[in-house]
Amino acid sequence: MKLFSIITFCSVIALYSCNSGTTSESSNSSTGDEASSNLTGQSGVKDDVSAKNIVQVAVGSKDHSTLVTAVKAAELVDALSNAGPFTVFAPTNAAFNKLPAGTVEGLLKADKKETLQDILQYHVSVGVFKSESFQDGQNIGQVNGGNIKISLKDGKVVINDKATIVASISTSNGIIHVIDEVLLPPSN
């Protein structure tokens, strides 16, 4: 009798496991959202109720499509979707267009992934740095190990004597400062 109970229990578990997999697959395909069904990690979490995180805000911005493409190519989507907090200095598409022709395309190639990651991580700080708290001459450590220099000029925040913050957006996991130049880490 015990053997029959064990076999029945195992059969029920096996049947449930098969049905669970089918349900999960059909619910992914029924959403029609192939991009989100391919995501794993924090970026794959579907949440339409909470405030948007840094990646979700960037994806929704028509002015940051180049940055989003670069973040995906560098495989940093999950990292920037995590709890943070982060400060991201986010260059606009126009900022990327100021780079020499072919630069962005070259960085998106698989063999340049580490270089792309270094550049993108030079745009990210751990912690939330609001515009009003920046001080002239302040240095802020970046995720890639480098530092950026903050300057205050004519009432504007300028990074590395080049990029100007044109807007700031609070997110659920930090803050985005939209900038008008791409920050390039100093050469080693």
Protein backbone atom coordinates (compact mmCIF):
# COMPACT_ATOMS: atom_id res chain seq x y z
CA MET A 1 0.00 0.00 0.00
CA LYS A 2 2.88 2.39 0.84
CA LEU A 3 4.50 1.70 -2.52
CA PHE A 4 1.23 2.55 -4.31
CA SER A 5 1.01 5.86 -2.38
CA ILE A 6 4.58 6.79 -3.25
CA ILE A 7 4.06 6.00 -6.94
CA THR A 8 0.82 8.01 -6.99
CA PHE A 9 2.51 10.97 -5.25
CA CYS A 10 5.43 10.93 -7.72
CA SER A 11 3.03 10.72 -10.67
CA VAL A 12 1.05 13.73 -9.43
CA ILE A 13 4.27 15.76 -8.96
CA ALA A 14 5.51 14.78 -12.44
CA LEU A 15 2.16 15.66 -14.01
CA TYR A 16 2.04 19.01 -12.18
CA SER A 17 5.60 19.83 -13.27
CA CYS A 18 4.74 19.14 -16.91
CA ASN A 19 1.63 21.29 -16.74
CA SER A 20 3.46 24.14 -14.98
CA GLY A 21 6.06 24.32 -17.75
CA THR A 22 3.38 24.37 -20.43
CA THR A 23 1.44 27.10 -18.67
CA SER A 24 4.53 29.23 -18.25
CA GLU A 25 5.53 28.87 -21.89
CA SER A 26 2.06 29.61 -23.17
CA SER A 27 1.73 32.69 -20.98
CA ASN A 28 5.03 34.04 -22.34
CA SER A 29 4.01 33.47 -25.93
CA SER A 30 0.52 34.84 -25.37
CA THR A 31 1.88 38.21 -24.27
CA GLY A 32 3.45 38.72 -27.67
CA ASP A 33 6.37 40.50 -26.02
CA GLU A 34 9.34 38.51 -27.29
CA ALA A 35 11.88 40.99 -25.91
CA SER A 36 10.75 40.64 -22.31
CA SER A 37 10.41 36.86 -22.53
CA ASN A 38 14.11 36.67 -23.45
CA LEU A 39 15.20 38.75 -20.45
CA THR A 40 16.58 37.11 -17.37
CA GLY A 41 17.62 38.47 -14.01
CA GLN A 42 16.30 41.73 -12.64
CA SER A 43 15.57 43.16 -16.10
CA GLY A 44 13.15 40.30 -16.77
CA VAL A 45 10.88 41.15 -13.84
CA LYS A 46 7.52 42.41 -15.11
CA ASP A 47 6.13 45.17 -12.90
CA ASP A 48 3.62 47.67 -14.24
CA VAL A 49 2.82 49.16 -10.83
CA SER A 50 6.10 50.39 -9.31
CA ALA A 51 8.01 53.49 -10.38
CA LYS A 52 10.30 52.84 -13.36
CA ASN A 53 13.96 52.05 -12.84
CA ILE A 54 16.87 53.62 -14.76
CA VAL A 55 16.72 51.14 -17.64
CA GLN A 56 12.94 51.39 -18.02
CA VAL A 57 13.11 55.20 -18.14
CA ALA A 58 15.92 55.11 -20.72
CA VAL A 59 14.07 52.57 -22.87
CA GLY A 60 11.06 54.89 -22.88
CA SER A 61 13.12 57.89 -24.04
CA LYS A 62 13.38 58.49 -27.78
CA ASP A 63 16.48 60.60 -27.07
CA HIS A 64 18.39 57.68 -25.52
CA SER A 65 18.02 54.86 -28.06
CA THR A 66 21.76 54.80 -28.77
CA LEU A 67 22.54 54.54 -25.05
CA VAL A 68 19.99 51.73 -24.63
CA THR A 69 21.52 49.84 -27.58
CA ALA A 70 24.98 50.24 -26.03
CA VAL A 71 23.82 49.10 -22.57
CA LYS A 72 22.28 46.00 -24.13
CA ALA A 73 25.42 45.26 -26.20
CA ALA A 74 27.58 45.63 -23.07
CA GLU A 75 25.24 43.31 -21.16
CA LEU A 76 24.66 45.87 -18.40
CA VAL A 77 20.85 45.86 -18.43
CA ASP A 78 20.52 43.64 -15.35
CA ALA A 79 23.14 45.60 -13.40
CA LEU A 80 21.34 48.91 -14.02
CA SER A 81 17.95 47.34 -13.25
CA ASN A 82 19.04 46.29 -9.76
CA ALA A 83 18.13 48.18 -6.59
CA GLY A 84 21.08 50.55 -6.73
CA PRO A 85 21.05 53.35 -5.88
CA PHE A 86 22.82 54.68 -8.96
CA THR A 87 23.51 58.02 -10.56
CA VAL A 88 23.68 57.66 -14.34
CA PHE A 89 25.03 60.41 -16.57
CA ALA A 90 23.06 59.56 -19.72
CA PRO A 91 24.30 60.97 -23.04
CA THR A 92 21.59 61.74 -25.57
CA ASN A 93 21.59 60.41 -29.14
CA ALA A 94 22.86 63.84 -30.23
CA ALA A 95 25.80 63.46 -27.81
CA PHE A 96 26.73 60.12 -29.39
CA ASN A 97 26.43 61.74 -32.84
CA LYS A 98 29.24 64.17 -31.86
CA LEU A 99 31.71 61.27 -31.69
CA PRO A 100 33.85 60.61 -34.78
CA ALA A 101 32.03 58.68 -37.51
CA GLY A 102 32.04 54.93 -36.94
CA THR A 103 32.91 55.14 -33.21
CA VAL A 104 29.56 53.90 -31.90
CA GLU A 105 29.29 51.18 -34.52
CA GLY A 106 32.82 50.01 -33.71
CA LEU A 107 32.11 49.89 -29.97
CA LEU A 108 28.99 47.77 -30.53
CA LYS A 109 31.06 44.94 -32.03
CA ALA A 110 31.48 41.86 -29.83
CA ASP A 111 35.28 42.18 -29.66
CA LYS A 112 34.92 45.71 -28.18
CA LYS A 113 32.56 44.67 -25.37
CA GLU A 114 35.08 45.34 -22.57
CA THR A 115 35.89 48.79 -23.95
CA LEU A 116 32.18 49.59 -24.25
CA GLN A 117 31.58 48.39 -20.69
CA ASP A 118 34.41 50.60 -19.43
CA ILE A 119 32.99 53.66 -21.18
CA LEU A 120 29.44 53.01 -19.98
CA GLN A 121 30.57 52.29 -16.41
CA TYR A 122 32.39 55.65 -16.50
CA HIS A 123 28.89 57.17 -16.73
CA VAL A 124 27.63 55.47 -13.53
CA SER A 125 28.17 56.27 -9.83
CA VAL A 126 26.98 54.25 -6.88
CA GLY A 127 24.69 56.46 -4.80
CA VAL A 128 22.31 59.27 -5.66
CA PHE A 129 23.94 62.59 -6.51
CA LYS A 130 21.37 65.32 -7.06
CA SER A 131 22.25 68.38 -9.15
CA GLU A 132 21.69 70.79 -6.30
CA SER A 133 24.24 68.98 -4.11
CA PHE A 134 27.13 69.13 -6.60
CA GLN A 135 30.02 71.38 -5.62
CA ASP A 136 32.55 73.12 -7.83
CA GLY A 137 35.71 70.99 -8.05
CA GLN A 138 34.02 67.89 -6.64
CA ASN A 139 35.33 64.50 -7.82
CA ILE A 140 32.95 61.54 -7.97
CA GLY A 141 34.09 57.93 -8.25
CA GLN A 142 32.60 55.98 -11.10
CA VAL A 143 31.82 52.27 -11.36
CA ASN A 144 34.77 51.67 -13.72
CA GLY A 145 37.19 52.96 -11.07
CA GLY A 146 37.73 56.37 -12.64
CA ASN A 147 36.63 59.77 -11.36
CA ILE A 148 34.66 62.55 -12.95
CA LYS A 149 35.14 66.21 -12.05
CA ILE A 150 32.19 68.48 -11.38
CA SER A 151 32.33 72.19 -12.23
CA LEU A 152 29.70 74.84 -11.75
CA LYS A 153 29.68 77.35 -14.61
CA ASP A 154 27.06 80.03 -15.17
CA GLY A 155 24.58 78.16 -12.97
CA LYS A 156 25.06 74.89 -14.85
CA VAL A 157 26.63 71.61 -13.76
CA VAL A 158 29.47 70.60 -16.08
CA ILE A 159 31.23 67.24 -16.00
CA ASN A 160 34.90 66.98 -16.97
CA ASP A 161 34.79 70.53 -18.36
CA LYS A 162 32.75 69.19 -21.28
CA ALA A 163 29.31 67.68 -20.64
CA THR A 164 26.44 69.76 -19.29
CA ILE A 165 23.52 68.33 -17.36
CA VAL A 166 20.41 69.33 -19.33
CA ALA A 167 17.81 67.46 -17.24
CA SER A 168 17.53 65.19 -14.21
CA ILE A 169 15.04 62.36 -13.72
CA SER A 170 14.41 60.48 -10.47
CA THR A 171 13.88 56.73 -10.83
CA SER A 172 13.06 53.89 -8.47
CA ASN A 173 16.74 52.92 -8.24
CA GLY A 174 18.49 56.27 -8.47
CA ILE A 175 18.71 59.30 -10.69
CA ILE A 176 19.48 59.97 -14.34
CA HIS A 177 21.28 63.16 -15.34
CA VAL A 178 20.78 63.70 -19.08
CA ILE A 179 24.01 65.07 -20.55
CA ASP A 180 24.94 66.58 -23.90
CA GLU A 181 28.34 64.86 -24.36
CA VAL A 182 29.70 61.33 -24.03
CA LEU A 183 32.18 60.99 -21.17
CA LEU A 184 35.34 59.14 -22.18
CA PRO A 185 37.51 57.65 -19.44
CA PRO A 186 41.06 59.01 -19.30
CA SER A 187 43.62 56.85 -21.11
CA ASN A 188 45.65 54.62 -18.85
